[in-house]
């Protein structure tokens, strides 16, 4: 990209932001221009992508709420936590875990 192109894009972005836009970069400005040049029939709605598929967003929301309020869910979490704590109490398992942590830390250092 040449300096002339960069200056042109910067000026275009400044003008768009002065006219009430709130664009952080030239890509968002281009996307907005592209979406506004399309007719109403050509607009693609994200919800159209999921039409005819299995699933119900309301059911998912309700399931999430009921799962948090469900007593069995809380018991399952407590049981899993107890199982994990028991697993770490075994010296062999704890050694395996610490070995994996050391390997991970060595990879991060590199």
PDB file of N, CA and C in Angstrom:
ATOM      1  N   UNK A   1       0.844  -1.170   0.000  1.00  0.00           N
ATOM      2  CA  UNK A   1       0.000   0.000   0.000  1.00  0.00           C
ATOM      3  C   UNK A   1       0.893   1.237   0.000  1.00  0.00           C
ATOM      4  N   UNK A   2       0.562   2.143  -0.850  1.00  0.00           N
ATOM      5  CA  UNK A   2       1.366   3.358  -0.969  1.00  0.00           C
ATOM      6  C   UNK A   2       0.879   4.410   0.011  1.00  0.00           C
ATOM      7  N   UNK A   3       1.704   5.416   0.195  1.00  0.00           N
ATOM      8  CA  UNK A   3       1.375   6.495   1.130  1.00  0.00           C
ATOM      9  C   UNK A   3       0.146   7.272   0.670  1.00  0.00           C
ATOM     10  N   UNK A   4      -0.017   7.418  -0.644  1.00  0.00           N
ATOM     11  CA  UNK A   4      -1.205   8.114  -1.157  1.00  0.00           C
ATOM     12  C   UNK A   4      -2.478   7.372  -0.763  1.00  0.00           C
ATOM     13  N   UNK A   5      -2.439   6.049  -0.851  1.00  0.00           N
ATOM     14  CA  UNK A   5      -3.610   5.246  -0.483  1.00  0.00           C
ATOM     15  C   UNK A   5      -3.920   5.385   1.005  1.00  0.00           C
ATOM     16  N   UNK A   6      -2.887   5.370   1.818  1.00  0.00           N
ATOM     17  CA  UNK A   6      -3.071   5.501   3.265  1.00  0.00           C
ATOM     18  C   UNK A   6      -3.676   6.860   3.609  1.00  0.00           C
ATOM     19  N   UNK A   7      -3.165   7.906   2.987  1.00  0.00           N
ATOM     20  CA  UNK A   7      -3.700   9.249   3.235  1.00  0.00           C
ATOM     21  C   UNK A   7      -5.147   9.357   2.770  1.00  0.00           C
ATOM     22  N   UNK A   8      -5.453   8.785   1.605  1.00  0.00           N
ATOM     23  CA  UNK A   8      -6.827   8.819   1.101  1.00  0.00           C
ATOM     24  C   UNK A   8      -7.786   8.115   2.060  1.00  0.00           C
ATOM     25  N   UNK A   9      -7.380   6.954   2.545  1.00  0.00           N
ATOM     26  CA  UNK A   9      -8.229   6.209   3.476  1.00  0.00           C
ATOM     27  C   UNK A   9      -8.400   6.956   4.796  1.00  0.00           C
ATOM     28  N   UNK A  10      -7.327   7.575   5.264  1.00  0.00           N
ATOM     29  CA  UNK A  10      -7.397   8.324   6.523  1.00  0.00           C
ATOM     30  C   UNK A  10      -8.343   9.505   6.390  1.00  0.00           C
ATOM     31  N   UNK A  11      -8.238  10.227   5.283  1.00  0.00           N
ATOM     32  CA  UNK A  11      -9.121  11.377   5.058  1.00  0.00           C
ATOM     33  C   UNK A  11     -10.569  10.915   4.935  1.00  0.00           C
ATOM     34  N   UNK A  12     -10.783   9.821   4.213  1.00  0.00           N
ATOM     35  CA  UNK A  12     -12.135   9.282   4.056  1.00  0.00           C
ATOM     36  C   UNK A  12     -12.716   8.877   5.405  1.00  0.00           C
ATOM     37  N   UNK A  13     -11.897   8.282   6.246  1.00  0.00           N
ATOM     38  CA  UNK A  13     -12.341   7.863   7.575  1.00  0.00           C
ATOM     39  C   UNK A  13     -12.667   9.076   8.452  1.00  0.00           C
ATOM     40  N   UNK A  14     -11.835  10.105   8.380  1.00  0.00           N
ATOM     41  CA  UNK A  14     -12.098  11.330   9.150  1.00  0.00           C
ATOM     42  C   UNK A  14     -13.390  12.001   8.710  1.00  0.00           C
ATOM     43  N   UNK A  15     -13.627  12.066   7.422  1.00  0.00           N
ATOM     44  CA  UNK A  15     -14.848  12.688   6.902  1.00  0.00           C
ATOM     45  C   UNK A  15     -16.073  11.896   7.351  1.00  0.00           C
ATOM     46  N   UNK A  16     -15.987  10.574   7.276  1.00  0.00           N
ATOM     47  CA  UNK A  16     -17.115   9.737   7.689  1.00  0.00           C
ATOM     48  C   UNK A  16     -17.404   9.916   9.174  1.00  0.00           C
ATOM     49  N   UNK A  17     -16.366  10.037  10.002  1.00  0.00           N
ATOM     50  CA  UNK A  17     -16.572  10.215  11.435  1.00  0.00           C
ATOM     51  C   UNK A  17     -17.093  11.604  11.763  1.00  0.00           C
ATOM     52  N   UNK A  18     -16.741  12.598  10.969  1.00  0.00           N
ATOM     53  CA  UNK A  18     -17.266  13.952  11.179  1.00  0.00           C
ATOM     54  C   UNK A  18     -18.747  14.014  10.836  1.00  0.00           C
ATOM     55  N   UNK A  19     -19.192  13.192   9.919  1.00  0.00           N
ATOM     56  CA  UNK A  19     -20.596  13.183   9.500  1.00  0.00           C
ATOM     57  C   UNK A  19     -21.463  12.298  10.378  1.00  0.00           C
ATOM     58  N   UNK A  20     -21.022  11.982  11.553  1.00  0.00           N
ATOM     59  CA  UNK A  20     -21.845  11.236  12.500  1.00  0.00           C
ATOM     60  C   UNK A  20     -21.531   9.758  12.569  1.00  0.00           C
ATOM     61  N   UNK A  21     -20.549   9.287  11.843  1.00  0.00           N
ATOM     62  CA  UNK A  21     -20.178   7.875  11.908  1.00  0.00           C
ATOM     63  C   UNK A  21     -19.309   7.615  13.118  1.00  0.00           C
ATOM     64  N   UNK A  22     -19.191   6.369  13.463  1.00  0.00           N
ATOM     65  CA  UNK A  22     -18.333   5.981  14.580  1.00  0.00           C
ATOM     66  C   UNK A  22     -17.497   4.787  14.130  1.00  0.00           C
ATOM     67  N   UNK A  23     -16.606   5.031  13.187  1.00  0.00           N
ATOM     68  CA  UNK A  23     -15.817   3.967  12.591  1.00  0.00           C
ATOM     69  C   UNK A  23     -14.412   3.978  13.176  1.00  0.00           C
ATOM     70  N   UNK A  24     -13.953   2.813  13.611  1.00  0.00           N
ATOM     71  CA  UNK A  24     -12.632   2.712  14.211  1.00  0.00           C
ATOM     72  C   UNK A  24     -11.547   2.495  13.172  1.00  0.00           C
ATOM     73  N   UNK A  25     -11.915   1.857  12.072  1.00  0.00           N
ATOM     74  CA  UNK A  25     -10.929   1.620  11.026  1.00  0.00           C
ATOM     75  C   UNK A  25     -11.612   1.632   9.661  1.00  0.00           C
ATOM     76  N   UNK A  26     -10.805   1.572   8.623  1.00  0.00           N
ATOM     77  CA  UNK A  26     -11.329   1.677   7.266  1.00  0.00           C
ATOM     78  C   UNK A  26     -12.161   0.453   6.901  1.00  0.00           C
ATOM     79  N   UNK A  27     -11.865  -0.692   7.515  1.00  0.00           N
ATOM     80  CA  UNK A  27     -12.628  -1.909   7.240  1.00  0.00           C
ATOM     81  C   UNK A  27     -14.077  -1.786   7.674  1.00  0.00           C
ATOM     82  N   UNK A  28     -14.304  -1.191   8.844  1.00  0.00           N
ATOM     83  CA  UNK A  28     -15.681  -1.018   9.317  1.00  0.00           C
ATOM     84  C   UNK A  28     -16.432  -0.019   8.448  1.00  0.00           C
ATOM     85  N   UNK A  29     -15.731   0.988   7.944  1.00  0.00           N
ATOM     86  CA  UNK A  29     -16.350   1.952   7.026  1.00  0.00           C
ATOM     87  C   UNK A  29     -16.740   1.265   5.720  1.00  0.00           C
ATOM     88  N   UNK A  30     -15.845   0.461   5.179  1.00  0.00           N
ATOM     89  CA  UNK A  30     -16.136  -0.269   3.933  1.00  0.00           C
ATOM     90  C   UNK A  30     -17.323  -1.214   4.116  1.00  0.00           C
ATOM     91  N   UNK A  31     -17.375  -1.897   5.257  1.00  0.00           N
ATOM     92  CA  UNK A  31     -18.468  -2.820   5.530  1.00  0.00           C
ATOM     93  C   UNK A  31     -19.790  -2.069   5.585  1.00  0.00           C
ATOM     94  N   UNK A  32     -19.786  -0.923   6.241  1.00  0.00           N
ATOM     95  CA  UNK A  32     -20.997  -0.117   6.334  1.00  0.00           C
ATOM     96  C   UNK A  32     -21.445   0.352   4.956  1.00  0.00           C
ATOM     97  N   UNK A  33     -20.499   0.809   4.153  1.00  0.00           N
ATOM     98  CA  UNK A  33     -20.843   1.252   2.795  1.00  0.00           C
ATOM     99  C   UNK A  33     -21.421   0.102   1.991  1.00  0.00           C
ATOM    100  N   UNK A  34     -20.844  -1.062   2.106  1.00  0.00           N
ATOM    101  CA  UNK A  34     -21.313  -2.226   1.366  1.00  0.00           C
ATOM    102  C   UNK A  34     -22.735  -2.603   1.779  1.00  0.00           C
ATOM    103  N   UNK A  35     -22.993  -2.573   3.091  1.00  0.00           N
ATOM    104  CA  UNK A  35     -24.323  -2.935   3.571  1.00  0.00           C
ATOM    105  C   UNK A  35     -25.375  -1.913   3.178  1.00  0.00           C
ATOM    106  N   UNK A  36     -24.987  -0.638   3.101  1.00  0.00           N
ATOM    107  CA  UNK A  36     -25.957   0.387   2.759  1.00  0.00           C
ATOM    108  C   UNK A  36     -26.221   0.482   1.260  1.00  0.00           C
ATOM    109  N   UNK A  37     -25.341  -0.044   0.449  1.00  0.00           N
ATOM    110  CA  UNK A  37     -25.579   0.015  -0.985  1.00  0.00           C
ATOM    111  C   UNK A  37     -26.512  -1.103  -1.446  1.00  0.00           C
ATOM    112  N   UNK A  38     -26.736  -2.097  -0.614  1.00  0.00           N
ATOM    113  CA  UNK A  38     -27.630  -3.189  -0.965  1.00  0.00           C
ATOM    114  C   UNK A  38     -29.074  -2.757  -0.781  1.00  0.00           C
ATOM    115  N   UNK A  39     -29.945  -3.338  -1.581  1.00  0.00           N
ATOM    116  CA  UNK A  39     -31.363  -3.083  -1.429  1.00  0.00           C
ATOM    117  C   UNK A  39     -31.922  -3.880  -0.271  1.00  0.00           C
ATOM    118  N   UNK A  40     -33.176  -3.600   0.079  1.00  0.00           N
ATOM    119  CA  UNK A  40     -33.767  -4.288   1.209  1.00  0.00           C
ATOM    120  C   UNK A  40     -33.972  -5.771   0.925  1.00  0.00           C
ATOM    121  N   UNK A  41     -34.186  -6.116  -0.340  1.00  0.00           N
ATOM    122  CA  UNK A  41     -34.386  -7.521  -0.696  1.00  0.00           C
ATOM    123  C   UNK A  41     -33.087  -8.313  -0.607  1.00  0.00           C
ATOM    124  N   UNK A  42     -31.960  -7.634  -0.784  1.00  0.00           N
ATOM    125  CA  UNK A  42     -30.670  -8.313  -0.802  1.00  0.00           C
ATOM    126  C   UNK A  42     -30.046  -8.477   0.579  1.00  0.00           C
ATOM    127  N   UNK A  43     -30.618  -7.816   1.576  1.00  0.00           N
ATOM    128  CA  UNK A  43     -30.027  -7.877   2.911  1.00  0.00           C
ATOM    129  C   UNK A  43     -30.096  -9.292   3.465  1.00  0.00           C
ATOM    130  N   UNK A  44     -29.024  -9.711   4.062  1.00  0.00           N
ATOM    131  CA  UNK A  44     -28.951 -11.032   4.673  1.00  0.00           C
ATOM    132  C   UNK A  44     -29.057 -10.861   6.177  1.00  0.00           C
ATOM    133  N   UNK A  45     -30.055 -11.460   6.728  1.00  0.00           N
ATOM    134  CA  UNK A  45     -30.218 -11.407   8.171  1.00  0.00           C
ATOM    135  C   UNK A  45     -29.622 -12.659   8.790  1.00  0.00           C
ATOM    136  N   UNK A  46     -28.967 -12.488   9.899  1.00  0.00           N
ATOM    137  CA  UNK A  46     -28.344 -13.630  10.570  1.00  0.00           C
ATOM    138  C   UNK A  46     -29.394 -14.663  10.971  1.00  0.00           C
ATOM    139  N   UNK A  47     -30.580 -14.197  11.297  1.00  0.00           N
ATOM    140  CA  UNK A  47     -31.629 -15.136  11.691  1.00  0.00           C
ATOM    141  C   UNK A  47     -32.049 -16.023  10.525  1.00  0.00           C
ATOM    142  N   UNK A  48     -31.901 -15.540   9.294  1.00  0.00           N
ATOM    143  CA  UNK A  48     -32.237 -16.357   8.126  1.00  0.00           C
ATOM    144  C   UNK A  48     -31.361 -17.596   8.048  1.00  0.00           C
ATOM    145  N   UNK A  49     -30.164 -17.486   8.558  1.00  0.00           N
ATOM    146  CA  UNK A  49     -29.219 -18.585   8.491  1.00  0.00           C
ATOM    147  C   UNK A  49     -29.726 -19.791   9.297  1.00  0.00           C
ATOM    148  N   UNK A  50     -30.515 -19.527  10.326  1.00  0.00           N
ATOM    149  CA  UNK A  50     -30.944 -20.597  11.219  1.00  0.00           C
ATOM    150  C   UNK A  50     -32.381 -21.046  10.981  1.00  0.00           C
ATOM    151  N   UNK A  51     -33.050 -20.475   9.982  1.00  0.00           N
ATOM    152  CA  UNK A  51     -34.425 -20.874   9.710  1.00  0.00           C
ATOM    153  C   UNK A  51     -34.458 -22.314   9.237  1.00  0.00           C
ATOM    154  N   UNK A  52     -35.396 -23.071   9.763  1.00  0.00           N
ATOM    155  CA  UNK A  52     -35.559 -24.454   9.353  1.00  0.00           C
ATOM    156  C   UNK A  52     -34.645 -25.426  10.067  1.00  0.00           C
ATOM    157  N   UNK A  53     -33.791 -24.941  10.948  1.00  0.00           N
ATOM    158  CA  UNK A  53     -32.912 -25.847  11.681  1.00  0.00           C
ATOM    159  C   UNK A  53     -33.569 -26.254  12.988  1.00  0.00           C
ATOM    160  N   UNK A  54     -33.059 -27.315  13.560  1.00  0.00           N
ATOM    161  CA  UNK A  54     -33.597 -27.758  14.843  1.00  0.00           C
ATOM    162  C   UNK A  54     -33.075 -26.833  15.926  1.00  0.00           C
ATOM    163  N   UNK A  55     -33.904 -26.616  16.904  1.00  0.00           N
ATOM    164  CA  UNK A  55     -33.463 -25.782  18.022  1.00  0.00           C
ATOM    165  C   UNK A  55     -34.419 -24.639  18.250  1.00  0.00           C
ATOM    166  N   UNK A  56     -34.455 -24.189  19.460  1.00  0.00           N
ATOM    167  CA  UNK A  56     -35.357 -23.130  19.839  1.00  0.00           C
ATOM    168  C   UNK A  56     -34.626 -22.266  20.860  1.00  0.00           C
ATOM    169  N   UNK A  57     -34.416 -21.015  20.537  1.00  0.00           N
ATOM    170  CA  UNK A  57     -33.629 -20.164  21.424  1.00  0.00           C
ATOM    171  C   UNK A  57     -34.313 -19.969  22.778  1.00  0.00           C
ATOM    172  N   UNK A  58     -35.641 -19.904  22.773  1.00  0.00           N
ATOM    173  CA  UNK A  58     -36.350 -19.737  24.044  1.00  0.00           C
ATOM    174  C   UNK A  58     -36.141 -20.961  24.941  1.00  0.00           C
ATOM    175  N   UNK A  59     -36.166 -22.137  24.330  1.00  0.00           N
ATOM    176  CA  UNK A  59     -35.959 -23.355  25.105  1.00  0.00           C
ATOM    177  C   UNK A  59     -34.546 -23.397  25.674  1.00  0.00           C
ATOM    178  N   UNK A  60     -33.581 -22.911  24.914  1.00  0.00           N
ATOM    179  CA  UNK A  60     -32.204 -22.887  25.391  1.00  0.00           C
ATOM    180  C   UNK A  60     -32.081 -21.949  26.588  1.00  0.00           C
ATOM    181  N   UNK A  61     -32.700 -20.778  26.475  1.00  0.00           N
ATOM    182  CA  UNK A  61     -32.657 -19.826  27.591  1.00  0.00           C
ATOM    183  C   UNK A  61     -33.293 -20.419  28.835  1.00  0.00           C
ATOM    184  N   UNK A  62     -34.464 -21.054  28.659  1.00  0.00           N
ATOM    185  CA  UNK A  62     -35.145 -21.652  29.806  1.00  0.00           C
ATOM    186  C   UNK A  62     -34.321 -22.781  30.408  1.00  0.00           C
ATOM    187  N   UNK A  63     -33.692 -23.582  29.548  1.00  0.00           N
ATOM    188  CA  UNK A  63     -32.865 -24.681  30.027  1.00  0.00           C
ATOM    189  C   UNK A  63     -31.693 -24.190  30.842  1.00  0.00           C
ATOM    190  N   UNK A  64     -31.108 -23.068  30.411  1.00  0.00           N
ATOM    191  CA  UNK A  64     -29.977 -22.506  31.136  1.00  0.00           C
ATOM    192  C   UNK A  64     -30.405 -22.038  32.515  1.00  0.00           C
ATOM    193  N   UNK A  65     -31.565 -21.402  32.577  1.00  0.00           N
ATOM    194  CA  UNK A  65     -32.062 -20.898  33.862  1.00  0.00           C
ATOM    195  C   UNK A  65     -32.404 -22.068  34.780  1.00  0.00           C
ATOM    196  N   UNK A  66     -33.128 -23.048  34.255  1.00  0.00           N
ATOM    197  CA  UNK A  66     -33.533 -24.155  35.109  1.00  0.00           C
ATOM    198  C   UNK A  66     -32.341 -24.990  35.543  1.00  0.00           C
ATOM    199  N   UNK A  67     -31.330 -25.077  34.696  1.00  0.00           N
ATOM    200  CA  UNK A  67     -30.154 -25.854  35.073  1.00  0.00           C
ATOM    201  C   UNK A  67     -29.482 -25.232  36.294  1.00  0.00           C
ATOM    202  N   UNK A  68     -29.427 -23.896  36.321  1.00  0.00           N
ATOM    203  CA  UNK A  68     -28.784 -23.246  37.461  1.00  0.00           C
ATOM    204  C   UNK A  68     -29.611 -23.393  38.732  1.00  0.00           C
ATOM    205  N   UNK A  69     -30.920 -23.445  38.595  1.00  0.00           N
ATOM    206  CA  UNK A  69     -31.783 -23.564  39.769  1.00  0.00           C
ATOM    207  C   UNK A  69     -32.005 -25.013  40.179  1.00  0.00           C
ATOM    208  N   UNK A  70     -31.646 -25.925  39.307  1.00  0.00           N
ATOM    209  CA  UNK A  70     -31.898 -27.345  39.536  1.00  0.00           C
ATOM    210  C   UNK A  70     -30.983 -27.869  40.645  1.00  0.00           C
ATOM    211  N   UNK A  71     -31.587 -28.521  41.625  1.00  0.00           N
ATOM    212  CA  UNK A  71     -30.817 -29.060  42.753  1.00  0.00           C
ATOM    213  C   UNK A  71     -29.901 -30.204  42.324  1.00  0.00           C
ATOM    214  N   UNK A  72     -30.361 -31.023  41.378  1.00  0.00           N
ATOM    215  CA  UNK A  72     -29.531 -32.134  40.908  1.00  0.00           C
ATOM    216  C   UNK A  72     -28.273 -31.606  40.227  1.00  0.00           C
ATOM    217  N   UNK A  73     -28.407 -30.489  39.532  1.00  0.00           N
ATOM    218  CA  UNK A  73     -27.251 -29.882  38.869  1.00  0.00           C
ATOM    219  C   UNK A  73     -26.214 -29.469  39.904  1.00  0.00           C
ATOM    220  N   UNK A  74     -26.674 -28.865  40.977  1.00  0.00           N
ATOM    221  CA  UNK A  74     -25.758 -28.447  42.044  1.00  0.00           C
ATOM    222  C   UNK A  74     -25.093 -29.660  42.697  1.00  0.00           C
ATOM    223  N   UNK A  75     -25.856 -30.725  42.875  1.00  0.00           N
ATOM    224  CA  UNK A  75     -25.294 -31.944  43.470  1.00  0.00           C
ATOM    225  C   UNK A  75     -24.250 -32.563  42.551  1.00  0.00           C
ATOM    226  N   UNK A  76     -24.522 -32.526  41.241  1.00  0.00           N
ATOM    227  CA  UNK A  76     -23.560 -33.071  40.279  1.00  0.00           C
ATOM    228  C   UNK A  76     -22.255 -32.292  40.307  1.00  0.00           C
ATOM    229  N   UNK A  77     -22.354 -30.966  40.433  1.00  0.00           N
ATOM    230  CA  UNK A  77     -21.151 -30.130  40.495  1.00  0.00           C
ATOM    231  C   UNK A  77     -20.354 -30.455  41.757  1.00  0.00           C
ATOM    232  N   UNK A  78     -21.052 -30.582  42.869  1.00  0.00           N
ATOM    233  CA  UNK A  78     -20.380 -30.911  44.125  1.00  0.00           C
ATOM    234  C   UNK A  78     -19.719 -32.288  44.048  1.00  0.00           C
ATOM    235  N   UNK A  79     -20.407 -33.240  43.423  1.00  0.00           N
ATOM    236  CA  UNK A  79     -19.856 -34.589  43.281  1.00  0.00           C
ATOM    237  C   UNK A  79     -18.602 -34.561  42.406  1.00  0.00           C
ATOM    238  N   UNK A  80     -18.645 -33.791  41.321  1.00  0.00           N
ATOM    239  CA  UNK A  80     -17.488 -33.692  40.426  1.00  0.00           C
ATOM    240  C   UNK A  80     -16.307 -33.048  41.147  1.00  0.00           C
ATOM    241  N   UNK A  81     -16.586 -32.021  41.942  1.00  0.00           N
ATOM    242  CA  UNK A  81     -15.522 -31.356  42.691  1.00  0.00           C
ATOM    243  C   UNK A  81     -14.890 -32.319  43.697  1.00  0.00           C
ATOM    244  N   UNK A  82     -15.703 -33.110  44.338  1.00  0.00           N
ATOM    245  CA  UNK A  82     -15.184 -34.075  45.313  1.00  0.00           C
ATOM    246  C   UNK A  82     -14.335 -35.138  44.609  1.00  0.00           C
ATOM    247  N   UNK A  83     -14.804 -35.598  43.438  1.00  0.00           N
ATOM    248  CA  UNK A  83     -14.063 -36.591  42.673  1.00  0.00           C
ATOM    249  C   UNK A  83     -12.707 -36.037  42.245  1.00  0.00           C
ATOM    250  N   UNK A  84     -12.700 -34.776  41.790  1.00  0.00           N
ATOM    251  CA  UNK A  84     -11.431 -34.147  41.392  1.00  0.00           C
ATOM    252  C   UNK A  84     -10.486 -34.036  42.570  1.00  0.00           C
ATOM    253  N   UNK A  85     -11.002 -33.617  43.710  1.00  0.00           N
ATOM    254  CA  UNK A  85     -10.126 -33.456  44.877  1.00  0.00           C
ATOM    255  C   UNK A  85      -9.555 -34.807  45.312  1.00  0.00           C
ATOM    256  N   UNK A  86     -10.371 -35.855  45.218  1.00  0.00           N
ATOM    257  CA  UNK A  86      -9.886 -37.193  45.546  1.00  0.00           C
ATOM    258  C   UNK A  86      -8.802 -37.636  44.563  1.00  0.00           C
ATOM    259  N   UNK A  87      -8.971 -37.283  43.304  1.00  0.00           N
ATOM    260  CA  UNK A  87      -8.001 -37.660  42.261  1.00  0.00           C
ATOM    261  C   UNK A  87      -6.642 -37.041  42.562  1.00  0.00           C
ATOM    262  N   UNK A  88      -6.633 -35.773  42.979  1.00  0.00           N
ATOM    263  CA  UNK A  88      -5.368 -35.088  43.257  1.00  0.00           C
ATOM    264  C   UNK A  88      -4.700 -35.590  44.534  1.00  0.00           C
ATOM    265  N   UNK A  89      -5.458 -36.197  45.429  1.00  0.00           N
ATOM    266  CA  UNK A  89      -4.867 -36.710  46.666  1.00  0.00           C
ATOM    267  C   UNK A  89      -3.984 -37.925  46.430  1.00  0.00           C
ATOM    268  N   UNK A  90      -4.220 -38.623  45.326  1.00  0.00           N
ATOM    269  CA  UNK A  90      -3.380 -39.766  44.966  1.00  0.00           C
ATOM    270  C   UNK A  90      -2.011 -39.230  44.527  1.00  0.00           C
ATOM    271  N   UNK A  91      -0.893 -39.682  45.145  1.00  0.00           N
ATOM    272  CA  UNK A  91       0.429 -39.138  44.830  1.00  0.00           C
ATOM    273  C   UNK A  91       0.842 -39.326  43.360  1.00  0.00           C
ATOM    274  N   UNK A  92       0.451 -40.457  42.772  1.00  0.00           N
ATOM    275  CA  UNK A  92       0.807 -40.690  41.368  1.00  0.00           C
ATOM    276  C   UNK A  92       0.109 -39.690  40.447  1.00  0.00           C
ATOM    277  N   UNK A  93      -1.159 -39.471  40.700  1.00  0.00           N
ATOM    278  CA  UNK A  93      -1.910 -38.529  39.876  1.00  0.00           C
ATOM    279  C   UNK A  93      -1.390 -37.103  40.042  1.00  0.00           C
ATOM    280  N   UNK A  94      -1.067 -36.765  41.288  1.00  0.00           N
ATOM    281  CA  UNK A  94      -0.554 -35.428  41.543  1.00  0.00           C
ATOM    282  C   UNK A  94       0.788 -35.221  40.848  1.00  0.00           C
ATOM    283  N   UNK A  95       1.620 -36.256  40.832  1.00  0.00           N
ATOM    284  CA  UNK A  95       2.913 -36.172  40.150  1.00  0.00           C
ATOM    285  C   UNK A  95       2.720 -35.990  38.644  1.00  0.00           C
ATOM    286  N   UNK A  96       1.768 -36.723  38.064  1.00  0.00           N
ATOM    287  CA  UNK A  96       1.468 -36.565  36.635  1.00  0.00           C
ATOM    288  C   UNK A  96       1.029 -35.130  36.338  1.00  0.00           C
ATOM    289  N   UNK A  97       0.174 -34.610  37.199  1.00  0.00           N
ATOM    290  CA  UNK A  97      -0.348 -33.255  37.016  1.00  0.00           C
ATOM    291  C   UNK A  97       0.769 -32.224  37.090  1.00  0.00           C
ATOM    292  N   UNK A  98       1.637 -32.342  38.090  1.00  0.00           N
ATOM    293  CA  UNK A  98       2.737 -31.387  38.232  1.00  0.00           C
ATOM    294  C   UNK A  98       3.714 -31.492  37.060  1.00  0.00           C
ATOM    295  N   UNK A  99       3.921 -32.695  36.544  1.00  0.00           N
ATOM    296  CA  UNK A  99       4.789 -32.879  35.391  1.00  0.00           C
ATOM    297  C   UNK A  99       4.220 -32.149  34.176  1.00  0.00           C
ATOM    298  N   UNK A 100       2.919 -32.291  33.968  1.00  0.00           N
ATOM    299  CA  UNK A 100       2.271 -31.605  32.842  1.00  0.00           C
ATOM    300  C   UNK A 100       2.354 -30.084  32.995  1.00  0.00           C
ATOM    301  N   UNK A 101       2.217 -29.595  34.226  1.00  0.00           N
ATOM    302  CA  UNK A 101       2.342 -28.159  34.462  1.00  0.00           C
ATOM    303  C   UNK A 101       3.741 -27.657  34.112  1.00  0.00           C
ATOM    304  N   UNK A 102       4.764 -28.420  34.502  1.00  0.00           N
ATOM    305  CA  UNK A 102       6.140 -28.036  34.181  1.00  0.00           C
ATOM    306  C   UNK A 102       6.363 -28.001  32.681  1.00  0.00           C
ATOM    307  N   UNK A 103       5.832 -29.012  31.974  1.00  0.00           N
ATOM    308  CA  UNK A 103       5.970 -29.049  30.510  1.00  0.00           C
ATOM    309  C   UNK A 103       5.274 -27.831  29.877  1.00  0.00           C
ATOM    310  N   UNK A 104       4.110 -27.497  30.388  1.00  0.00           N
ATOM    311  CA  UNK A 104       3.383 -26.343  29.862  1.00  0.00           C
ATOM    312  C   UNK A 104       4.167 -25.060  30.093  1.00  0.00           C
ATOM    313  N   UNK A 105       4.731 -24.906  31.288  1.00  0.00           N
ATOM    314  CA  UNK A 105       5.487 -23.698  31.599  1.00  0.00           C
ATOM    315  C   UNK A 105       6.756 -23.594  30.755  1.00  0.00           C
ATOM    316  N   UNK A 106       7.381 -24.736  30.490  1.00  0.00           N
ATOM    317  CA  UNK A 106       8.590 -24.715  29.637  1.00  0.00           C
ATOM    318  C   UNK A 106       8.235 -24.298  28.215  1.00  0.00           C
ATOM    319  N   UNK A 107       7.093 -24.746  27.727  1.00  0.00           N
ATOM    320  CA  UNK A 107       6.673 -24.338  26.378  1.00  0.00           C
ATOM    321  C   UNK A 107       6.405 -22.842  26.308  1.00  0.00           C
ATOM    322  N   UNK A 108       5.836 -22.292  27.388  1.00  0.00           N
ATOM    323  CA  UNK A 108       5.548 -20.859  27.422  1.00  0.00           C
ATOM    324  C   UNK A 108       6.836 -20.017  27.430  1.00  0.00           C
ATOM    325  N   UNK A 109       7.871 -20.545  28.073  1.00  0.00           N
ATOM    326  CA  UNK A 109       9.137 -19.815  28.154  1.00  0.00           C
ATOM    327  C   UNK A 109       9.828 -19.707  26.813  1.00  0.00           C
ATOM    328  N   UNK A 110       9.595 -20.703  25.951  1.00  0.00           N
ATOM    329  CA  UNK A 110      10.271 -20.715  24.649  1.00  0.00           C
ATOM    330  C   UNK A 110       9.735 -19.706  23.712  1.00  0.00           C
TER     331      UNK A 110
END
